[in-house]
Amino acid sequence: MREKFVRVFGFLLPVVLILGCASLGNYWSLVTVPQEGGQQFVKITDKSDLVDTSQPFAVSRDGQKIAFTSWKTGNGDIYIKYVTGSKAVTQRTFRPETEVGPDFSPDGSQLVFSALRDGYYRIYMVGAESGSAIRQITSGSPPDAENPTFSPDGQLIAFNSVEFSRDATGNWQRVGNEAIWTYDMKTGMLSQYTSGLMPKFTPDGKKIVFKRAAITGERYYGLWMMDLASGAETNIIGGTDFGVARFAISPDGHKIVFSSNKNTVDSSQERKNNNLWIVDIDGSNLTQLTFHLSDDDCPVWAPDGKAIYFLSSRGEEEKGTVNIWRMSYGK
C-alpha cells in the first residue's frame, strides 16, 4: 500500500514582524526577514490544527473558508474553517485512508479531493456544507489520479494521472507517464490531453496551466499552458538550475505565483528551501516574493488578488511545525 499525509488550521492572530538575520539553530522562529519589509504576514492556523507539512489546501471563491488536510484524527482528513471569526473547524471526511488536495467548487457547495483507497489514488467529491455522501469520480482508468481542480464554471474537473511501480524493496515509486485529464460533470466523460502534473484552469476556463519538465529529460519542472480547444502548448517558464513546486494563477489571469528552490543553495551546497516567486502569465517579470529560510510552499491566491495564502514553518517554536499564512500582495 502507498501512503499519504496532511494537517489543518486555527484562528487569526496579530503577528509581530521580527526583522533581522537568523541563526541556523532557530531561523524558522522568525516571522519575516528584512527583504520582506512592507508585506503583512498573518498566521491563519496554529499547531493544534496539525496542518499537513506538504499537501495543498484551498480557499473558497468567496474568500470566507479554507479546506485542508489535518492529522487531528491521526489518518489525515479534510477539514473546513472560516478564515475569520471562528476557531471551529468542521470535519468533512471520515474514512481511515488519507484524503488530500481539496478544491472548492465555484459555488462553494462541493469539495473535490484525492485519496488512496484499495491501493490506488482516486478522485472523490463530498458536500462542503452538508457533509453528504462521497461521490467517486475516477475508478479503473486512469488507475491513479491526483490534484483535482474545478473549472471556473464548475462543469469540468481537471486532474493528472500518475503511474506507480514497486521497486526492488517492495516500495511504490512513481515511474512517469503523467497525463492531464478532465472529467465532465454532466456527461461523466473523461478526456486525456497531454503529459503533465497539477493542472489549473485559467480564469476564463479556456486554458490549463500545468507542470512538466522544462526541457525534455530534465529533472526540473517548469510551467506550461495548454489551450483546451486547439491543444496548443506554450512553455511559460522553466530552467536547468531550479524547479517549480506548487503554483496558482491570479484571479485576473495575469500572473502565476509558485514555490521554488531557486537561489536557495548556500556556498557549501548543503541547504535548500522553497520561497515564493511570481511571474507574468507570458513568462516575463520573474520576481521573488519571500526570502525566509524556512520553506514557503503551496501558494493560493485570495479571490480578490490582494493576498496570497501559503504553507510555512516561519514563526514556529519547532522547525517541523507548518501552518497556513496569509501575505499581503500589491498596493
Protein backbone atom coordinates (compact mmCIF):
# COMPACT_ATOMS: atom_id res chain seq x y z
CA MET A 1 0.00 0.00 0.00
CA ARG A 2 1.10 3.54 -0.72
CA GLU A 3 0.74 6.23 1.91
CA LYS A 4 -0.14 9.92 2.23
CA PHE A 5 -0.04 12.78 4.65
CA VAL A 6 -1.77 16.06 5.86
CA ARG A 7 -2.77 18.79 8.51
CA VAL A 8 -5.23 21.74 9.42
CA PHE A 9 -5.98 25.21 10.92
CA GLY A 10 -6.73 27.55 13.79
CA PHE A 11 -7.57 31.25 14.28
CA LEU A 12 -6.40 34.69 13.22
CA LEU A 13 -3.65 36.12 15.35
CA PRO A 14 -1.99 39.52 15.35
CA VAL A 15 1.54 38.99 14.07
CA VAL A 16 4.61 40.83 15.29
CA LEU A 17 7.06 41.35 12.44
CA ILE A 18 10.53 40.37 13.54
CA LEU A 19 13.39 41.57 11.38
CA GLY A 20 16.99 40.56 11.28
CA CYS A 21 19.23 37.70 10.40
CA ALA A 22 18.57 34.30 11.92
CA SER A 23 21.00 31.76 13.24
CA LEU A 24 20.97 28.26 11.79
CA GLY A 25 19.51 26.94 15.02
CA ASN A 26 16.27 28.93 15.10
CA TYR A 27 15.75 30.60 11.73
CA TRP A 28 12.23 29.22 11.46
CA SER A 29 11.17 31.13 14.60
CA LEU A 30 11.32 34.47 12.73
CA VAL A 31 8.15 35.75 11.07
CA THR A 32 9.85 37.88 8.44
CA VAL A 33 13.30 38.88 7.27
CA PRO A 34 14.45 42.34 6.05
CA GLN A 35 13.93 41.54 2.36
CA GLU A 36 10.22 41.04 3.07
CA GLY A 37 9.72 44.53 4.51
CA GLY A 38 6.40 46.20 3.68
CA GLN A 39 4.46 42.96 3.40
CA GLN A 40 1.94 42.00 6.07
CA PHE A 41 2.02 38.40 7.27
CA VAL A 42 -0.89 36.89 9.22
CA LYS A 43 -0.88 33.40 10.68
CA ILE A 44 -4.17 31.64 9.87
CA THR A 45 -3.75 28.27 11.61
CA ASP A 46 -1.98 27.11 14.75
CA LYS A 47 -0.18 23.96 15.85
CA SER A 48 -3.33 22.40 17.31
CA ASP A 49 -4.72 22.18 13.78
CA LEU A 50 -2.00 19.73 12.73
CA VAL A 51 -1.75 21.06 9.19
CA ASP A 52 -0.02 18.68 6.80
CA THR A 53 3.53 19.74 6.04
CA SER A 54 3.38 19.34 2.26
CA GLN A 55 -0.17 18.95 0.96
CA PRO A 56 -2.04 21.75 -0.86
CA PHE A 57 -5.12 23.44 0.58
CA ALA A 58 -7.92 25.55 -0.95
CA VAL A 59 -9.64 28.89 -0.41
CA SER A 60 -13.32 29.19 -1.31
CA ARG A 61 -14.24 31.53 -4.18
CA ASP A 62 -15.95 33.91 -1.73
CA GLY A 63 -12.76 34.07 0.35
CA GLN A 64 -14.55 33.01 3.54
CA LYS A 65 -13.32 29.44 4.07
CA ILE A 66 -10.29 27.24 3.70
CA ALA A 67 -10.21 23.48 3.19
CA PHE A 68 -7.16 21.49 4.15
CA THR A 69 -5.94 18.10 5.33
CA SER A 70 -5.38 17.65 9.05
CA TRP A 71 -3.95 14.91 11.21
CA LYS A 72 -6.37 15.59 14.06
CA THR A 73 -7.82 12.10 13.68
CA GLY A 74 -4.42 10.52 13.09
CA ASN A 75 -5.01 9.45 9.48
CA GLY A 76 -5.42 12.68 7.51
CA ASP A 77 -8.95 14.01 6.92
CA ILE A 78 -10.23 17.11 5.18
CA TYR A 79 -11.49 19.95 7.36
CA ILE A 80 -13.09 23.32 6.64
CA LYS A 81 -12.63 26.50 8.62
CA TYR A 82 -13.78 30.09 8.25
CA VAL A 83 -10.87 32.43 7.62
CA THR A 84 -12.14 34.98 10.15
CA GLY A 85 -14.34 35.00 13.21
CA SER A 86 -14.19 31.39 14.39
CA LYS A 87 -11.75 28.88 15.83
CA ALA A 88 -14.05 25.98 14.95
CA VAL A 89 -13.19 23.52 12.22
CA THR A 90 -15.62 21.16 10.50
CA GLN A 91 -14.53 17.68 9.53
CA ARG A 92 -15.70 16.64 6.06
CA THR A 93 -14.10 13.20 5.51
CA PHE A 94 -14.06 10.35 8.00
CA ARG A 95 -12.58 7.26 6.35
CA PRO A 96 -9.37 5.58 7.62
CA GLU A 97 -7.47 6.48 4.42
CA THR A 98 -5.84 9.87 3.99
CA GLU A 99 -7.61 12.46 1.83
CA VAL A 100 -5.58 15.30 0.29
CA GLY A 101 -5.58 18.23 -2.12
CA PRO A 102 -9.15 19.59 -1.72
CA ASP A 103 -10.62 22.19 -4.07
CA PHE A 104 -13.90 24.08 -3.69
CA SER A 105 -16.50 24.11 -6.46
CA PRO A 106 -17.17 27.66 -7.71
CA ASP A 107 -20.39 27.91 -5.66
CA GLY A 108 -18.66 26.51 -2.56
CA SER A 109 -21.09 23.60 -2.20
CA GLN A 110 -18.71 20.77 -3.09
CA LEU A 111 -15.16 19.66 -2.39
CA VAL A 112 -13.15 17.54 -4.80
CA PHE A 113 -10.06 15.71 -3.50
CA SER A 114 -7.86 12.64 -3.99
CA ALA A 115 -7.47 9.68 -1.67
CA LEU A 116 -5.55 6.42 -1.57
CA ARG A 117 -8.03 3.53 -1.37
CA ASP A 118 -7.55 -0.11 -2.19
CA GLY A 119 -4.01 0.60 -3.37
CA TYR A 120 -4.89 3.36 -5.85
CA TYR A 121 -5.25 7.14 -5.79
CA ARG A 122 -8.79 8.10 -6.85
CA ILE A 123 -10.67 11.37 -7.23
CA TYR A 124 -13.72 11.87 -4.98
CA MET A 125 -16.24 14.61 -4.20
CA VAL A 126 -18.11 15.46 -1.00
CA GLY A 127 -20.50 18.20 0.11
CA ALA A 128 -18.64 21.16 1.60
CA GLU A 129 -21.57 22.23 3.78
CA SER A 130 -23.95 19.32 4.01
CA GLY A 131 -21.43 16.54 4.57
CA SER A 132 -23.36 14.40 2.09
CA ALA A 133 -22.24 11.02 0.81
CA ILE A 134 -18.94 10.84 -1.04
CA ARG A 135 -19.11 10.53 -4.84
CA GLN A 136 -16.35 8.67 -6.65
CA ILE A 137 -15.14 10.43 -9.83
CA THR A 138 -12.39 8.13 -11.15
CA SER A 139 -12.12 4.34 -10.94
CA GLY A 140 -10.13 1.94 -13.11
CA SER A 141 -8.92 4.21 -15.90
CA PRO A 142 -6.72 6.01 -15.25
CA PRO A 143 -5.70 3.76 -12.33
CA ASP A 144 -4.13 6.57 -10.24
CA ALA A 145 -5.35 10.19 -10.23
CA GLU A 146 -4.34 13.25 -8.19
CA ASN A 147 -4.53 17.05 -7.93
CA PRO A 148 -8.18 17.64 -8.92
CA THR A 149 -9.49 21.16 -9.52
CA PHE A 150 -12.79 22.62 -10.72
CA SER A 151 -13.16 24.73 -13.85
CA PRO A 152 -14.44 28.29 -13.28
CA ASP A 153 -17.95 27.28 -14.38
CA GLY A 154 -17.91 24.08 -12.32
CA GLN A 155 -18.61 21.88 -15.34
CA LEU A 156 -15.21 20.19 -15.53
CA ILE A 157 -12.75 18.70 -13.06
CA ALA A 158 -9.14 18.65 -14.23
CA PHE A 159 -6.61 16.28 -12.67
CA ASN A 160 -3.46 14.39 -13.51
CA SER A 161 -2.91 10.66 -13.72
CA VAL A 162 0.30 9.07 -12.48
CA GLU A 163 1.89 5.67 -12.83
CA PHE A 164 3.45 3.71 -9.97
CA SER A 165 5.58 0.58 -9.79
CA ARG A 166 7.13 -1.39 -6.94
CA ASP A 167 10.89 -1.13 -6.60
CA ALA A 168 13.27 -3.91 -5.54
CA THR A 169 12.45 -3.30 -1.86
CA GLY A 170 8.71 -3.51 -2.44
CA ASN A 171 8.06 0.23 -2.05
CA TRP A 172 5.87 2.12 -4.51
CA GLN A 173 7.67 4.60 -6.78
CA ARG A 174 6.46 6.99 -9.48
CA VAL A 175 7.64 5.80 -12.89
CA GLY A 176 6.45 8.68 -15.05
CA ASN A 177 3.64 8.66 -17.63
CA GLU A 178 1.94 11.66 -16.03
CA ALA A 179 -1.03 12.96 -18.01
CA ILE A 180 -3.60 15.77 -17.79
CA TRP A 181 -7.29 14.76 -17.85
CA THR A 182 -10.70 16.38 -17.48
CA TYR A 183 -13.95 14.90 -16.17
CA ASP A 184 -17.26 16.32 -17.43
CA MET A 185 -19.68 16.73 -14.52
CA LYS A 186 -22.76 16.41 -16.76
CA THR A 187 -21.79 13.55 -19.06
CA GLY A 188 -19.24 11.70 -16.94
CA MET A 189 -16.88 11.73 -19.91
CA LEU A 190 -13.13 11.53 -19.28
CA SER A 191 -10.79 13.26 -21.74
CA GLN A 192 -7.00 12.87 -21.83
CA TYR A 193 -4.90 15.76 -23.15
CA THR A 194 -1.14 15.94 -22.64
CA SER A 195 1.65 14.89 -20.30
CA GLY A 196 1.94 16.91 -17.10
CA LEU A 197 1.04 17.43 -13.46
CA MET A 198 -1.06 19.72 -11.22
CA PRO A 199 -3.46 21.28 -13.76
CA LYS A 200 -5.05 24.69 -13.04
CA PHE A 201 -7.69 26.39 -15.18
CA THR A 202 -7.15 29.97 -16.27
CA PRO A 203 -9.95 32.26 -15.00
CA ASP A 204 -11.69 32.24 -18.41
CA GLY A 205 -11.73 28.42 -18.40
CA LYS A 206 -10.19 28.23 -21.88
CA LYS A 207 -6.70 27.08 -20.94
CA ILE A 208 -4.94 24.88 -18.39
CA VAL A 209 -1.59 25.65 -16.77
CA PHE A 210 0.40 22.62 -15.62
CA LYS A 211 3.86 21.34 -14.69
CA ARG A 212 6.22 19.44 -16.91
CA ALA A 213 9.97 19.06 -17.25
CA ALA A 214 11.30 22.39 -18.52
CA ILE A 215 13.43 20.59 -21.10
CA THR A 216 12.84 17.02 -22.23
CA GLY A 217 14.82 14.76 -19.93
CA GLU A 218 15.45 17.50 -17.34
CA ARG A 219 14.59 16.75 -13.73
CA TYR A 220 13.43 20.30 -13.02
CA TYR A 221 9.75 21.04 -13.62
CA GLY A 222 8.65 24.18 -15.44
CA LEU A 223 5.25 25.70 -16.14
CA TRP A 224 3.33 25.09 -19.34
CA MET A 225 -0.03 26.28 -20.69
CA MET A 226 -2.40 24.39 -22.99
CA ASP A 227 -5.34 25.71 -24.98
CA LEU A 228 -8.25 23.32 -24.40
CA ALA A 229 -9.82 23.92 -27.80
CA SER A 230 -6.74 23.65 -30.03
CA GLY A 231 -4.36 21.67 -27.83
CA ALA A 232 -1.60 24.22 -28.49
CA GLU A 233 1.02 24.31 -25.74
CA THR A 234 3.27 27.12 -24.51
CA ASN A 235 6.25 26.85 -22.15
CA ILE A 236 5.77 29.69 -19.64
CA ILE A 237 8.91 29.30 -17.55
CA GLY A 238 11.50 26.69 -16.68
CA GLY A 239 15.19 26.37 -16.02
CA THR A 240 18.05 23.95 -15.60
CA ASP A 241 19.01 25.35 -12.18
CA PHE A 242 15.65 25.47 -10.39
CA GLY A 243 12.29 23.74 -10.33
CA VAL A 244 8.66 24.79 -9.88
CA ALA A 245 6.82 23.12 -6.99
CA ARG A 246 3.17 24.13 -6.28
CA PHE A 247 1.67 27.12 -8.10
CA ALA A 248 -1.52 29.16 -8.50
CA ILE A 249 -2.93 31.53 -11.14
CA SER A 250 -4.01 35.02 -10.07
CA PRO A 251 -7.77 35.77 -10.20
CA ASP A 252 -7.27 38.15 -13.12
CA GLY A 253 -5.24 35.55 -15.03
CA HIS A 254 -2.24 37.85 -15.44
CA LYS A 255 0.25 36.28 -13.01
CA ILE A 256 1.33 32.98 -11.51
CA VAL A 257 2.75 32.53 -8.03
CA PHE A 258 4.84 29.43 -7.39
CA SER A 259 7.19 27.94 -4.82
CA SER A 260 10.73 27.13 -5.88
CA ASN A 261 14.20 26.35 -4.54
CA LYS A 262 15.67 28.93 -6.92
CA ASN A 263 18.64 30.83 -5.38
CA THR A 264 18.50 28.97 -2.06
CA VAL A 265 21.63 26.83 -2.26
CA ASP A 266 24.29 28.21 0.10
CA SER A 267 28.01 28.29 -0.61
CA SER A 268 28.51 24.85 0.91
CA GLN A 269 25.73 23.41 -1.26
CA GLU A 270 24.17 21.94 1.89
CA ARG A 271 20.81 23.62 2.31
CA LYS A 272 17.86 24.25 0.03
CA ASN A 273 14.47 25.68 0.87
CA ASN A 274 11.50 26.90 -1.12
CA ASN A 275 10.47 30.53 -1.43
CA LEU A 276 7.57 32.11 -3.29
CA TRP A 277 8.11 33.65 -6.72
CA ILE A 278 5.77 35.42 -9.09
CA VAL A 279 5.84 35.63 -12.89
CA ASP A 280 3.61 37.07 -15.58
CA ILE A 281 1.49 34.54 -17.46
CA ASP A 282 3.74 35.05 -20.52
CA GLY A 283 6.86 34.12 -18.51
CA SER A 284 8.21 37.65 -18.06
CA ASN A 285 8.95 39.70 -14.93
CA LEU A 286 10.08 36.86 -12.67
CA THR A 287 10.22 38.27 -9.12
CA GLN A 288 10.99 36.72 -5.73
CA LEU A 289 8.29 37.39 -3.09
CA THR A 290 9.54 35.66 0.07
CA PHE A 291 13.10 35.30 1.37
CA HIS A 292 12.65 33.38 4.60
CA LEU A 293 14.95 30.48 5.45
CA SER A 294 12.01 28.23 6.23
CA ASP A 295 10.08 26.56 3.43
CA ASP A 296 7.26 28.61 1.89
CA ASP A 297 5.08 26.29 -0.18
CA CYS A 298 1.67 25.60 -1.75
CA PRO A 299 0.64 29.21 -2.57
CA VAL A 300 -3.05 30.03 -3.11
CA TRP A 301 -4.36 33.43 -4.24
CA ALA A 302 -7.05 35.21 -2.25
CA PRO A 303 -10.09 35.65 -4.55
CA ASP A 304 -9.64 39.43 -4.62
CA GLY A 305 -5.99 39.09 -5.66
CA LYS A 306 -4.79 41.23 -2.74
CA ALA A 307 -3.21 38.43 -0.69
CA ILE A 308 -1.52 35.06 -1.09
CA TYR A 309 -2.00 32.16 1.31
CA PHE A 310 0.81 29.62 1.71
CA LEU A 311 2.29 26.93 3.97
CA SER A 312 5.30 27.83 6.11
CA SER A 313 7.19 26.87 9.25
CA ARG A 314 8.11 30.53 9.89
CA GLY A 315 7.35 31.83 13.37
CA GLU A 316 7.22 28.33 14.88
CA GLU A 317 8.87 27.08 18.05
CA GLU A 318 9.78 23.88 16.23
CA LYS A 319 11.02 23.67 12.66
CA GLY A 320 8.78 20.71 11.79
CA THR A 321 5.53 22.56 12.53
CA VAL A 322 3.80 24.02 9.47
CA ASN A 323 0.82 26.38 9.32
CA ILE A 324 -1.15 28.37 6.79
CA TRP A 325 -0.14 32.02 6.46
CA ARG A 326 -1.55 34.96 4.52
CA MET A 327 0.73 37.54 2.93
CA SER A 328 -0.44 40.89 1.56
CA TYR A 329 0.18 41.45 -2.14
CA GLY A 330 0.05 44.60 -4.23
CA LYS A 331 -0.76 48.14 -3.23
